[in-house]
Amino acid sequence: MSFYSELLLTTARLIADKGQAMTLVSTAPGAYDAATGTAAEVETTSSLSGVVVNYPAREVDGTSVQRGDRKVLLAAEGVVPKIQDTLIIGGVRNKIIDCKAVSPAGIAVMYTAQARAGG
């Protein structure tokens, strides 16, 4: 097992132990309906754990990071969160505004998502 594979497992274990349960809701276009000329959106949900922290006041600029935004640390296990996905945290829907992979040596070990309530 490589160092980064072990790091991924350790990250996943720590986030599961110290984090909280949440749901990731992803949407994708469904089958095209020729009669209506549209494609319905299909939602996919995934249960996962994440660590939620507040942004420090110095990072809240009112534009890219707004008051109430939260940073969510997610293990890189199975699902890949994307911008515009929704995280349901404690029953509150949060839109993912930004999401970056932490990937030393090109191997994703976790994601840092910026979540905004009301998504």
PDB file of N, CA and C in Angstrom:
ATOM      1  N   MET A   1       0.851  -1.173   0.000  1.00  0.00           N
ATOM      2  CA  MET A   1       0.000   0.000   0.000  1.00  0.00           C
ATOM      3  C   MET A   1       0.899   1.239   0.000  1.00  0.00           C
ATOM      4  N   SER A   2       0.580   2.194  -0.868  1.00  0.00           N
ATOM      5  CA  SER A   2       1.408   3.388  -0.970  1.00  0.00           C
ATOM      6  C   SER A   2       1.124   4.340   0.183  1.00  0.00           C
ATOM      7  N   PHE A   3       2.013   5.283   0.372  1.00  0.00           N
ATOM      8  CA  PHE A   3       1.855   6.298   1.412  1.00  0.00           C
ATOM      9  C   PHE A   3       0.531   7.035   1.244  1.00  0.00           C
ATOM     10  N   TYR A   4       0.177   7.403   0.005  1.00  0.00           N
ATOM     11  CA  TYR A   4      -1.040   8.184  -0.227  1.00  0.00           C
ATOM     12  C   TYR A   4      -2.308   7.346  -0.055  1.00  0.00           C
ATOM     13  N   SER A   5      -2.226   6.070  -0.330  1.00  0.00           N
ATOM     14  CA  SER A   5      -3.365   5.191  -0.055  1.00  0.00           C
ATOM     15  C   SER A   5      -3.610   5.113   1.448  1.00  0.00           C
ATOM     16  N   GLU A   6      -2.531   5.025   2.220  1.00  0.00           N
ATOM     17  CA  GLU A   6      -2.648   5.015   3.676  1.00  0.00           C
ATOM     18  C   GLU A   6      -3.158   6.357   4.187  1.00  0.00           C
ATOM     19  N   LEU A   7      -2.696   7.452   3.576  1.00  0.00           N
ATOM     20  CA  LEU A   7      -3.150   8.785   3.966  1.00  0.00           C
ATOM     21  C   LEU A   7      -4.647   8.936   3.702  1.00  0.00           C
ATOM     22  N   LEU A   8      -5.129   8.420   2.574  1.00  0.00           N
ATOM     23  CA  LEU A   8      -6.558   8.457   2.261  1.00  0.00           C
ATOM     24  C   LEU A   8      -7.358   7.696   3.319  1.00  0.00           C
ATOM     25  N   LEU A   9      -6.895   6.510   3.702  1.00  0.00           N
ATOM     26  CA  LEU A   9      -7.594   5.720   4.714  1.00  0.00           C
ATOM     27  C   LEU A   9      -7.599   6.427   6.072  1.00  0.00           C
ATOM     28  N   THR A  10      -6.483   7.030   6.436  1.00  0.00           N
ATOM     29  CA  THR A  10      -6.394   7.759   7.706  1.00  0.00           C
ATOM     30  C   THR A  10      -7.320   8.971   7.689  1.00  0.00           C
ATOM     31  N   THR A  11      -7.323   9.707   6.585  1.00  0.00           N
ATOM     32  CA  THR A  11      -8.206  10.875   6.452  1.00  0.00           C
ATOM     33  C   THR A  11      -9.660  10.455   6.567  1.00  0.00           C
ATOM     34  N   ALA A  12     -10.041   9.398   5.879  1.00  0.00           N
ATOM     35  CA  ALA A  12     -11.426   8.910   5.919  1.00  0.00           C
ATOM     36  C   ALA A  12     -11.809   8.492   7.336  1.00  0.00           C
ATOM     37  N   ARG A  13     -10.905   7.819   8.037  1.00  0.00           N
ATOM     38  CA  ARG A  13     -11.191   7.373   9.404  1.00  0.00           C
ATOM     39  C   ARG A  13     -11.361   8.562  10.338  1.00  0.00           C
ATOM     40  N   LEU A  14     -10.471   9.547  10.244  1.00  0.00           N
ATOM     41  CA  LEU A  14     -10.562  10.720  11.111  1.00  0.00           C
ATOM     42  C   LEU A  14     -11.831  11.531  10.852  1.00  0.00           C
ATOM     43  N   ILE A  15     -12.179  11.710   9.584  1.00  0.00           N
ATOM     44  CA  ILE A  15     -13.401  12.459   9.260  1.00  0.00           C
ATOM     45  C   ILE A  15     -14.629  11.700   9.743  1.00  0.00           C
ATOM     46  N   ALA A  16     -14.631  10.382   9.605  1.00  0.00           N
ATOM     47  CA  ALA A  16     -15.764   9.584  10.091  1.00  0.00           C
ATOM     48  C   ALA A  16     -15.865   9.665  11.615  1.00  0.00           C
ATOM     49  N   ASP A  17     -14.719   9.625  12.313  1.00  0.00           N
ATOM     50  CA  ASP A  17     -14.707   9.671  13.775  1.00  0.00           C
ATOM     51  C   ASP A  17     -15.071  11.049  14.323  1.00  0.00           C
ATOM     52  N   LYS A  18     -14.565  12.093  13.724  1.00  0.00           N
ATOM     53  CA  LYS A  18     -14.705  13.450  14.272  1.00  0.00           C
ATOM     54  C   LYS A  18     -15.770  14.284  13.581  1.00  0.00           C
ATOM     55  N   GLY A  19     -16.270  13.800  12.459  1.00  0.00           N
ATOM     56  CA  GLY A  19     -17.230  14.579  11.688  1.00  0.00           C
ATOM     57  C   GLY A  19     -18.666  14.244  12.028  1.00  0.00           C
ATOM     58  N   GLN A  20     -19.562  14.659  11.140  1.00  0.00           N
ATOM     59  CA  GLN A  20     -20.987  14.399  11.315  1.00  0.00           C
ATOM     60  C   GLN A  20     -21.564  13.846  10.021  1.00  0.00           C
ATOM     61  N   ALA A  21     -22.680  13.172  10.161  1.00  0.00           N
ATOM     62  CA  ALA A  21     -23.346  12.595   9.002  1.00  0.00           C
ATOM     63  C   ALA A  21     -23.980  13.701   8.170  1.00  0.00           C
ATOM     64  N   MET A  22     -23.929  13.551   6.861  1.00  0.00           N
ATOM     65  CA  MET A  22     -24.555  14.490   5.935  1.00  0.00           C
ATOM     66  C   MET A  22     -24.893  13.754   4.654  1.00  0.00           C
ATOM     67  N   THR A  23     -25.656  14.423   3.812  1.00  0.00           N
ATOM     68  CA  THR A  23     -26.066  13.829   2.543  1.00  0.00           C
ATOM     69  C   THR A  23     -25.622  14.739   1.405  1.00  0.00           C
ATOM     70  N   LEU A  24     -25.008  14.159   0.401  1.00  0.00           N
ATOM     71  CA  LEU A  24     -24.632  14.883  -0.813  1.00  0.00           C
ATOM     72  C   LEU A  24     -25.689  14.601  -1.861  1.00  0.00           C
ATOM     73  N   VAL A  25     -26.265  15.657  -2.419  1.00  0.00           N
ATOM     74  CA  VAL A  25     -27.272  15.527  -3.470  1.00  0.00           C
ATOM     75  C   VAL A  25     -26.678  16.081  -4.757  1.00  0.00           C
ATOM     76  N   SER A  26     -26.536  15.223  -5.752  1.00  0.00           N
ATOM     77  CA  SER A  26     -26.002  15.617  -7.055  1.00  0.00           C
ATOM     78  C   SER A  26     -27.116  15.529  -8.086  1.00  0.00           C
ATOM     79  N   THR A  27     -27.122  16.457  -9.031  1.00  0.00           N
ATOM     80  CA  THR A  27     -28.109  16.410 -10.104  1.00  0.00           C
ATOM     81  C   THR A  27     -27.403  16.256 -11.441  1.00  0.00           C
ATOM     82  N   ALA A  28     -28.066  15.550 -12.337  1.00  0.00           N
ATOM     83  CA  ALA A  28     -27.547  15.349 -13.687  1.00  0.00           C
ATOM     84  C   ALA A  28     -28.733  15.298 -14.634  1.00  0.00           C
ATOM     85  N   PRO A  29     -28.521  15.657 -15.897  1.00  0.00           N
ATOM     86  CA  PRO A  29     -29.633  15.563 -16.844  1.00  0.00           C
ATOM     87  C   PRO A  29     -30.064  14.114 -17.035  1.00  0.00           C
ATOM     88  N   GLY A  30     -31.374  13.918 -17.068  1.00  0.00           N
ATOM     89  CA  GLY A  30     -31.917  12.584 -17.307  1.00  0.00           C
ATOM     90  C   GLY A  30     -32.175  12.370 -18.789  1.00  0.00           C
ATOM     91  N   ALA A  31     -33.071  11.474 -19.082  1.00  0.00           N
ATOM     92  CA  ALA A  31     -33.400  11.138 -20.469  1.00  0.00           C
ATOM     93  C   ALA A  31     -34.096  12.316 -21.149  1.00  0.00           C
ATOM     94  N   TYR A  32     -33.781  12.516 -22.400  1.00  0.00           N
ATOM     95  CA  TYR A  32     -34.381  13.586 -23.199  1.00  0.00           C
ATOM     96  C   TYR A  32     -35.789  13.176 -23.618  1.00  0.00           C
ATOM     97  N   ASP A  33     -36.729  14.092 -23.444  1.00  0.00           N
ATOM     98  CA  ASP A  33     -38.118  13.863 -23.838  1.00  0.00           C
ATOM     99  C   ASP A  33     -38.388  14.671 -25.102  1.00  0.00           C
ATOM    100  N   ALA A  34     -38.482  13.998 -26.244  1.00  0.00           N
ATOM    101  CA  ALA A  34     -38.672  14.675 -27.524  1.00  0.00           C
ATOM    102  C   ALA A  34     -39.996  15.430 -27.580  1.00  0.00           C
ATOM    103  N   ALA A  35     -40.991  14.955 -26.878  1.00  0.00           N
ATOM    104  CA  ALA A  35     -42.306  15.603 -26.898  1.00  0.00           C
ATOM    105  C   ALA A  35     -42.269  16.986 -26.252  1.00  0.00           C
ATOM    106  N   THR A  36     -41.497  17.114 -25.177  1.00  0.00           N
ATOM    107  CA  THR A  36     -41.420  18.411 -24.485  1.00  0.00           C
ATOM    108  C   THR A  36     -40.170  19.196 -24.857  1.00  0.00           C
ATOM    109  N   GLY A  37     -39.198  18.507 -25.453  1.00  0.00           N
ATOM    110  CA  GLY A  37     -37.944  19.169 -25.815  1.00  0.00           C
ATOM    111  C   GLY A  37     -37.059  19.461 -24.613  1.00  0.00           C
ATOM    112  N   THR A  38     -37.255  18.726 -23.525  1.00  0.00           N
ATOM    113  CA  THR A  38     -36.464  18.945 -22.320  1.00  0.00           C
ATOM    114  C   THR A  38     -35.948  17.619 -21.770  1.00  0.00           C
ATOM    115  N   ALA A  39     -35.010  17.744 -20.874  1.00  0.00           N
ATOM    116  CA  ALA A  39     -34.499  16.584 -20.145  1.00  0.00           C
ATOM    117  C   ALA A  39     -34.726  16.836 -18.667  1.00  0.00           C
ATOM    118  N   ALA A  40     -35.385  15.909 -18.002  1.00  0.00           N
ATOM    119  CA  ALA A  40     -35.623  16.033 -16.561  1.00  0.00           C
ATOM    120  C   ALA A  40     -34.303  15.856 -15.819  1.00  0.00           C
ATOM    121  N   GLU A  41     -34.190  16.515 -14.671  1.00  0.00           N
ATOM    122  CA  GLU A  41     -33.003  16.328 -13.842  1.00  0.00           C
ATOM    123  C   GLU A  41     -33.204  15.108 -12.959  1.00  0.00           C
ATOM    124  N   VAL A  42     -32.123  14.367 -12.786  1.00  0.00           N
ATOM    125  CA  VAL A  42     -32.129  13.184 -11.940  1.00  0.00           C
ATOM    126  C   VAL A  42     -31.244  13.468 -10.737  1.00  0.00           C
ATOM    127  N   GLU A  43     -31.794  13.265  -9.538  1.00  0.00           N
ATOM    128  CA  GLU A  43     -31.024  13.470  -8.316  1.00  0.00           C
ATOM    129  C   GLU A  43     -30.444  12.151  -7.827  1.00  0.00           C
ATOM    130  N   THR A  44     -29.191  12.221  -7.394  1.00  0.00           N
ATOM    131  CA  THR A  44     -28.520  11.089  -6.784  1.00  0.00           C
ATOM    132  C   THR A  44     -28.087  11.519  -5.395  1.00  0.00           C
ATOM    133  N   THR A  45     -28.392  10.713  -4.382  1.00  0.00           N
ATOM    134  CA  THR A  45     -27.986  11.053  -3.021  1.00  0.00           C
ATOM    135  C   THR A  45     -26.946  10.062  -2.526  1.00  0.00           C
ATOM    136  N   SER A  46     -26.021  10.580  -1.720  1.00  0.00           N
ATOM    137  CA  SER A  46     -24.976   9.753  -1.113  1.00  0.00           C
ATOM    138  C   SER A  46     -24.826  10.172   0.338  1.00  0.00           C
ATOM    139  N   SER A  47     -24.762   9.199   1.232  1.00  0.00           N
ATOM    140  CA  SER A  47     -24.512   9.476   2.646  1.00  0.00           C
ATOM    141  C   SER A  47     -23.009   9.496   2.870  1.00  0.00           C
ATOM    142  N   LEU A  48     -22.550  10.478   3.634  1.00  0.00           N
ATOM    143  CA  LEU A  48     -21.129  10.590   3.926  1.00  0.00           C
ATOM    144  C   LEU A  48     -20.934  11.346   5.220  1.00  0.00           C
ATOM    145  N   SER A  49     -19.694  11.426   5.661  1.00  0.00           N
ATOM    146  CA  SER A  49     -19.333  12.180   6.853  1.00  0.00           C
ATOM    147  C   SER A  49     -18.467  13.353   6.446  1.00  0.00           C
ATOM    148  N   GLY A  50     -18.601  14.429   7.193  1.00  0.00           N
ATOM    149  CA  GLY A  50     -17.782  15.602   6.934  1.00  0.00           C
ATOM    150  C   GLY A  50     -17.527  16.376   8.213  1.00  0.00           C
ATOM    151  N   VAL A  51     -16.477  17.150   8.196  1.00  0.00           N
ATOM    152  CA  VAL A  51     -16.145  18.032   9.308  1.00  0.00           C
ATOM    153  C   VAL A  51     -16.494  19.441   8.861  1.00  0.00           C
ATOM    154  N   VAL A  52     -17.339  20.114   9.630  1.00  0.00           N
ATOM    155  CA  VAL A  52     -17.817  21.452   9.286  1.00  0.00           C
ATOM    156  C   VAL A  52     -17.139  22.471  10.202  1.00  0.00           C
ATOM    157  N   VAL A  53     -16.523  23.485   9.596  1.00  0.00           N
ATOM    158  CA  VAL A  53     -15.894  24.564  10.369  1.00  0.00           C
ATOM    159  C   VAL A  53     -16.315  25.905   9.784  1.00  0.00           C
ATOM    160  N   ASN A  54     -16.312  26.919  10.621  1.00  0.00           N
ATOM    161  CA  ASN A  54     -16.613  28.272  10.161  1.00  0.00           C
ATOM    162  C   ASN A  54     -15.367  28.890   9.553  1.00  0.00           C
ATOM    163  N   TYR A  55     -15.565  29.786   8.597  1.00  0.00           N
ATOM    164  CA  TYR A  55     -14.445  30.533   8.040  1.00  0.00           C
ATOM    165  C   TYR A  55     -13.996  31.569   9.060  1.00  0.00           C
ATOM    166  N   PRO A  56     -12.693  31.796   9.188  1.00  0.00           N
ATOM    167  CA  PRO A  56     -12.235  32.870  10.069  1.00  0.00           C
ATOM    168  C   PRO A  56     -12.739  34.218   9.549  1.00  0.00           C
ATOM    169  N   ALA A  57     -12.984  35.157  10.436  1.00  0.00           N
ATOM    170  CA  ALA A  57     -13.524  36.472  10.056  1.00  0.00           C
ATOM    171  C   ALA A  57     -12.677  37.143   8.982  1.00  0.00           C
ATOM    172  N   ARG A  58     -11.371  36.954   9.010  1.00  0.00           N
ATOM    173  CA  ARG A  58     -10.492  37.617   8.037  1.00  0.00           C
ATOM    174  C   ARG A  58     -10.704  37.107   6.611  1.00  0.00           C
ATOM    175  N   GLU A  59     -11.298  35.913   6.464  1.00  0.00           N
ATOM    176  CA  GLU A  59     -11.547  35.356   5.131  1.00  0.00           C
ATOM    177  C   GLU A  59     -12.925  35.719   4.590  1.00  0.00           C
ATOM    178  N   VAL A  60     -13.802  36.251   5.447  1.00  0.00           N
ATOM    179  CA  VAL A  60     -15.152  36.619   5.018  1.00  0.00           C
ATOM    180  C   VAL A  60     -15.081  38.003   4.384  1.00  0.00           C
ATOM    181  N   ASP A  61     -15.190  38.036   3.035  1.00  0.00           N
ATOM    182  CA  ASP A  61     -15.075  39.303   2.315  1.00  0.00           C
ATOM    183  C   ASP A  61     -16.427  39.812   1.809  1.00  0.00           C
ATOM    184  N   GLY A  62     -17.492  39.045   2.044  1.00  0.00           N
ATOM    185  CA  GLY A  62     -18.825  39.459   1.614  1.00  0.00           C
ATOM    186  C   GLY A  62     -19.115  39.165   0.154  1.00  0.00           C
ATOM    187  N   THR A  63     -18.119  38.726  -0.584  1.00  0.00           N
ATOM    188  CA  THR A  63     -18.309  38.413  -1.997  1.00  0.00           C
ATOM    189  C   THR A  63     -18.075  36.929  -2.237  1.00  0.00           C
ATOM    190  N   SER A  64     -16.818  36.522  -2.271  1.00  0.00           N
ATOM    191  CA  SER A  64     -16.544  35.101  -2.528  1.00  0.00           C
ATOM    192  C   SER A  64     -16.823  34.243  -1.296  1.00  0.00           C
ATOM    193  N   VAL A  65     -16.551  34.764  -0.123  1.00  0.00           N
ATOM    194  CA  VAL A  65     -16.906  34.083   1.120  1.00  0.00           C
ATOM    195  C   VAL A  65     -17.832  35.011   1.891  1.00  0.00           C
ATOM    196  N   GLN A  66     -19.073  34.553   2.077  1.00  0.00           N
ATOM    197  CA  GLN A  66     -20.083  35.364   2.754  1.00  0.00           C
ATOM    198  C   GLN A  66     -20.265  34.909   4.193  1.00  0.00           C
ATOM    199  N   ARG A  67     -20.789  35.804   5.018  1.00  0.00           N
ATOM    200  CA  ARG A  67     -21.082  35.456   6.400  1.00  0.00           C
ATOM    201  C   ARG A  67     -22.047  34.269   6.393  1.00  0.00           C
ATOM    202  N   GLY A  68     -21.760  33.275   7.190  1.00  0.00           N
ATOM    203  CA  GLY A  68     -22.597  32.073   7.252  1.00  0.00           C
ATOM    204  C   GLY A  68     -22.088  30.928   6.394  1.00  0.00           C
ATOM    205  N   ASP A  69     -21.176  31.211   5.447  1.00  0.00           N
ATOM    206  CA  ASP A  69     -20.579  30.125   4.663  1.00  0.00           C
ATOM    207  C   ASP A  69     -19.780  29.235   5.607  1.00  0.00           C
ATOM    208  N   ARG A  70     -19.733  27.958   5.265  1.00  0.00           N
ATOM    209  CA  ARG A  70     -18.979  27.021   6.082  1.00  0.00           C
ATOM    210  C   ARG A  70     -18.042  26.203   5.212  1.00  0.00           C
ATOM    211  N   LYS A  71     -16.916  25.856   5.790  1.00  0.00           N
ATOM    212  CA  LYS A  71     -15.946  24.999   5.119  1.00  0.00           C
ATOM    213  C   LYS A  71     -16.238  23.572   5.560  1.00  0.00           C
ATOM    214  N   VAL A  72     -16.356  22.664   4.589  1.00  0.00           N
ATOM    215  CA  VAL A  72     -16.674  21.277   4.895  1.00  0.00           C
ATOM    216  C   VAL A  72     -15.551  20.396   4.340  1.00  0.00           C
ATOM    217  N   LEU A  73     -14.966  19.605   5.218  1.00  0.00           N
ATOM    218  CA  LEU A  73     -13.904  18.684   4.832  1.00  0.00           C
ATOM    219  C   LEU A  73     -14.520  17.312   4.626  1.00  0.00           C
ATOM    220  N   LEU A  74     -14.323  16.756   3.440  1.00  0.00           N
ATOM    221  CA  LEU A  74     -14.914  15.472   3.064  1.00  0.00           C
ATOM    222  C   LEU A  74     -13.814  14.521   2.612  1.00  0.00           C
ATOM    223  N   ALA A  75     -13.879  13.279   3.046  1.00  0.00           N
ATOM    224  CA  ALA A  75     -12.907  12.278   2.600  1.00  0.00           C
ATOM    225  C   ALA A  75     -13.143  11.963   1.133  1.00  0.00           C
ATOM    226  N   ALA A  76     -12.100  11.662   0.424  1.00  0.00           N
ATOM    227  CA  ALA A  76     -12.192  11.311  -1.001  1.00  0.00           C
ATOM    228  C   ALA A  76     -12.491   9.823  -1.121  1.00  0.00           C
ATOM    229  N   GLU A  77     -13.722   9.466  -0.783  1.00  0.00           N
ATOM    230  CA  GLU A  77     -14.141   8.070  -0.837  1.00  0.00           C
ATOM    231  C   GLU A  77     -15.368   7.928  -1.708  1.00  0.00           C
ATOM    232  N   GLY A  78     -15.195   7.415  -2.891  1.00  0.00           N
ATOM    233  CA  GLY A  78     -16.339   7.098  -3.739  1.00  0.00           C
ATOM    234  C   GLY A  78     -16.957   8.274  -4.468  1.00  0.00           C
ATOM    235  N   VAL A  79     -17.546   9.227  -3.753  1.00  0.00           N
ATOM    236  CA  VAL A  79     -18.238  10.333  -4.413  1.00  0.00           C
ATOM    237  C   VAL A  79     -17.319  11.542  -4.541  1.00  0.00           C
ATOM    238  N   VAL A  80     -17.501  12.273  -5.619  1.00  0.00           N
ATOM    239  CA  VAL A  80     -16.735  13.493  -5.859  1.00  0.00           C
ATOM    240  C   VAL A  80     -17.715  14.660  -5.833  1.00  0.00           C
ATOM    241  N   PRO A  81     -17.656  15.505  -4.791  1.00  0.00           N
ATOM    242  CA  PRO A  81     -18.569  16.653  -4.735  1.00  0.00           C
ATOM    243  C   PRO A  81     -18.217  17.661  -5.821  1.00  0.00           C
ATOM    244  N   LYS A  82     -19.262  18.304  -6.359  1.00  0.00           N
ATOM    245  CA  LYS A  82     -19.057  19.277  -7.431  1.00  0.00           C
ATOM    246  C   LYS A  82     -19.740  20.592  -7.061  1.00  0.00           C
ATOM    247  N   ILE A  83     -19.264  21.664  -7.671  1.00  0.00           N
ATOM    248  CA  ILE A  83     -19.919  22.959  -7.519  1.00  0.00           C
ATOM    249  C   ILE A  83     -21.360  22.808  -7.983  1.00  0.00           C
ATOM    250  N   GLN A  84     -22.283  23.388  -7.253  1.00  0.00           N
ATOM    251  CA  GLN A  84     -23.735  23.347  -7.468  1.00  0.00           C
ATOM    252  C   GLN A  84     -24.399  22.103  -6.896  1.00  0.00           C
ATOM    253  N   ASP A  85     -23.628  21.124  -6.388  1.00  0.00           N
ATOM    254  CA  ASP A  85     -24.246  20.031  -5.643  1.00  0.00           C
ATOM    255  C   ASP A  85     -24.768  20.610  -4.331  1.00  0.00           C
ATOM    256  N   THR A  86     -25.550  19.821  -3.622  1.00  0.00           N
ATOM    257  CA  THR A  86     -26.112  20.252  -2.348  1.00  0.00           C
ATOM    258  C   THR A  86     -25.652  19.310  -1.248  1.00  0.00           C
ATOM    259  N   LEU A  87     -25.262  19.897  -0.114  1.00  0.00           N
ATOM    260  CA  LEU A  87     -24.965  19.120   1.083  1.00  0.00           C
ATOM    261  C   LEU A  87     -26.087  19.380   2.082  1.00  0.00           C
ATOM    262  N   ILE A  88     -26.688  18.320   2.577  1.00  0.00           N
ATOM    263  CA  ILE A  88     -27.696  18.471   3.623  1.00  0.00           C
ATOM    264  C   ILE A  88     -26.995  18.168   4.943  1.00  0.00           C
ATOM    265  N   ILE A  89     -26.855  19.232   5.747  1.00  0.00           N
ATOM    266  CA  ILE A  89     -26.128  19.143   7.013  1.00  0.00           C
ATOM    267  C   ILE A  89     -27.091  19.515   8.132  1.00  0.00           C
ATOM    268  N   GLY A  90     -27.366  18.578   9.016  1.00  0.00           N
ATOM    269  CA  GLY A  90     -28.292  18.838  10.106  1.00  0.00           C
ATOM    270  C   GLY A  90     -29.663  19.265   9.624  1.00  0.00           C
ATOM    271  N   GLY A  91     -30.101  18.713   8.500  1.00  0.00           N
ATOM    272  CA  GLY A  91     -31.413  19.025   7.945  1.00  0.00           C
ATOM    273  C   GLY A  91     -31.461  20.297   7.109  1.00  0.00           C
ATOM    274  N   VAL A  92     -30.351  21.026   7.021  1.00  0.00           N
ATOM    275  CA  VAL A  92     -30.301  22.279   6.262  1.00  0.00           C
ATOM    276  C   VAL A  92     -29.610  22.036   4.929  1.00  0.00           C
ATOM    277  N   ARG A  93     -30.250  22.493   3.839  1.00  0.00           N
ATOM    278  CA  ARG A  93     -29.668  22.363   2.497  1.00  0.00           C
ATOM    279  C   ARG A  93     -28.631  23.456   2.295  1.00  0.00           C
ATOM    280  N   ASN A  94     -27.445  23.064   1.847  1.00  0.00           N
ATOM    281  CA  ASN A  94     -26.328  23.973   1.595  1.00  0.00           C
ATOM    282  C   ASN A  94     -25.810  23.743   0.186  1.00  0.00           C
ATOM    283  N   LYS A  95     -25.770  24.785  -0.609  1.00  0.00           N
ATOM    284  CA  LYS A  95     -25.243  24.698  -1.973  1.00  0.00           C
ATOM    285  C   LYS A  95     -23.714  24.734  -1.909  1.00  0.00           C
ATOM    286  N   ILE A  96     -23.062  23.865  -2.676  1.00  0.00           N
ATOM    287  CA  ILE A  96     -21.601  23.899  -2.762  1.00  0.00           C
ATOM    288  C   ILE A  96     -21.229  25.007  -3.739  1.00  0.00           C
ATOM    289  N   ILE A  97     -20.562  26.025  -3.218  1.00  0.00           N
ATOM    290  CA  ILE A  97     -20.154  27.202  -3.987  1.00  0.00           C
ATOM    291  C   ILE A  97     -18.794  26.969  -4.635  1.00  0.00           C
ATOM    292  N   ASP A  98     -17.932  26.270  -3.923  1.00  0.00           N
ATOM    293  CA  ASP A  98     -16.588  25.983  -4.419  1.00  0.00           C
ATOM    294  C   ASP A  98     -16.164  24.645  -3.821  1.00  0.00           C
ATOM    295  N   CYS A  99     -15.337  23.920  -4.534  1.00  0.00           N
ATOM    296  CA  CYS A  99     -14.855  22.635  -4.044  1.00  0.00           C
ATOM    297  C   CYS A  99     -13.485  22.361  -4.648  1.00  0.00           C
ATOM    298  N   LYS A 100     -12.559  22.033  -3.785  1.00  0.00           N
ATOM    299  CA  LYS A 100     -11.200  21.753  -4.234  1.00  0.00           C
ATOM    300  C   LYS A 100     -10.728  20.423  -3.659  1.00  0.00           C
ATOM    301  N   ALA A 101     -10.024  19.675  -4.471  1.00  0.00           N
ATOM    302  CA  ALA A 101      -9.425  18.424  -4.001  1.00  0.00           C
ATOM    303  C   ALA A 101      -8.087  18.731  -3.351  1.00  0.00           C
ATOM    304  N   VAL A 102      -7.814  18.082  -2.242  1.00  0.00           N
ATOM    305  CA  VAL A 102      -6.481  18.095  -1.641  1.00  0.00           C
ATOM    306  C   VAL A 102      -5.831  16.834  -2.177  1.00  0.00           C
ATOM    307  N   SER A 103      -4.877  17.032  -3.090  1.00  0.00           N
ATOM    308  CA  SER A 103      -4.354  15.869  -3.813  1.00  0.00           C
ATOM    309  C   SER A 103      -2.844  15.925  -3.960  1.00  0.00           C
ATOM    310  N   PRO A 104      -2.138  15.580  -2.884  1.00  0.00           N
ATOM    311  CA  PRO A 104      -0.683  15.509  -3.016  1.00  0.00           C
ATOM    312  C   PRO A 104      -0.318  14.402  -4.006  1.00  0.00           C
ATOM    313  N   ALA A 105       0.634  14.672  -4.833  1.00  0.00           N
ATOM    314  CA  ALA A 105       1.103  13.714  -5.843  1.00  0.00           C
ATOM    315  C   ALA A 105      -0.013  13.292  -6.789  1.00  0.00           C
ATOM    316  N   GLY A 106      -1.050  14.145  -6.933  1.00  0.00           N
ATOM    317  CA  GLY A 106      -2.131  13.865  -7.862  1.00  0.00           C
ATOM    318  C   GLY A 106      -3.149  12.842  -7.389  1.00  0.00           C
ATOM    319  N   ILE A 107      -3.077  12.464  -6.115  1.00  0.00           N
ATOM    320  CA  ILE A 107      -4.014  11.485  -5.560  1.00  0.00           C
ATOM    321  C   ILE A 107      -4.903  12.200  -4.553  1.00  0.00           C
ATOM    322  N   ALA A 108      -6.214  12.301  -4.852  1.00  0.00           N
ATOM    323  CA  ALA A 108      -7.147  12.993  -3.958  1.00  0.00           C
ATOM    324  C   ALA A 108      -7.287  12.216  -2.654  1.00  0.00           C
ATOM    325  N   VAL A 109      -7.055  12.909  -1.531  1.00  0.00           N
ATOM    326  CA  VAL A 109      -7.239  12.288  -0.217  1.00  0.00           C
ATOM    327  C   VAL A 109      -8.423  12.911   0.522  1.00  0.00           C
ATOM    328  N   MET A 110      -8.804  14.142   0.137  1.00  0.00           N
ATOM    329  CA  MET A 110      -9.984  14.776   0.703  1.00  0.00           C
ATOM    330  C   MET A 110     -10.390  15.954  -0.157  1.00  0.00           C
ATOM    331  N   TYR A 111     -11.593  16.459   0.101  1.00  0.00           N
ATOM    332  CA  TYR A 111     -12.113  17.631  -0.592  1.00  0.00           C
ATOM    333  C   TYR A 111     -12.436  18.700   0.438  1.00  0.00           C
ATOM    334  N   THR A 112     -12.202  19.946   0.061  1.00  0.00           N
ATOM    335  CA  THR A 112     -12.602  21.089   0.871  1.00  0.00           C
ATOM    336  C   THR A 112     -13.691  21.800   0.093  1.00  0.00           C
ATOM    337  N   ALA A 113     -14.904  21.804   0.658  1.00  0.00           N
ATOM    338  CA  ALA A 113     -16.039  22.417  -0.017  1.00  0.00           C
ATOM    339  C   ALA A 113     -16.475  23.668   0.746  1.00  0.00           C
ATOM    340  N   GLN A 114     -16.837  24.702  -0.003  1.00  0.00           N
ATOM    341  CA  GLN A 114     -17.443  25.896   0.582  1.00  0.00           C
ATOM    342  C   GLN A 114     -18.944  25.741   0.427  1.00  0.00           C
ATOM    343  N   ALA A 115     -19.647  25.698   1.566  1.00  0.00           N
ATOM    344  CA  ALA A 115     -21.092  25.446   1.561  1.00  0.00           C
ATOM    345  C   ALA A 115     -21.836  26.692   2.029  1.00  0.00           C
ATOM    346  N   ARG A 116     -22.937  27.011   1.327  1.00  0.00           N
ATOM    347  CA  ARG A 116     -23.746  28.174   1.641  1.00  0.00           C
ATOM    348  C   ARG A 116     -25.182  27.728   1.870  1.00  0.00           C
ATOM    349  N   ALA A 117     -25.735  28.064   3.035  1.00  0.00           N
ATOM    350  CA  ALA A 117     -27.101  27.676   3.381  1.00  0.00           C
ATOM    351  C   ALA A 117     -28.095  28.242   2.378  1.00  0.00           C
ATOM    352  N   GLY A 118     -29.154  27.480   2.170  1.00  0.00           N
ATOM    353  CA  GLY A 118     -30.216  27.931   1.283  1.00  0.00           C
ATOM    354  C   GLY A 118     -30.146  27.324  -0.106  1.00  0.00           C
ATOM    355  N   GLY A 119     -29.311  26.312  -0.272  1.00  0.00           N
ATOM    356  CA  GLY A 119     -29.131  25.744  -1.599  1.00  0.00           C
ATOM    357  C   GLY A 119     -30.159  24.798  -2.029  1.00  0.00           C
TER     358      GLY A 119
END
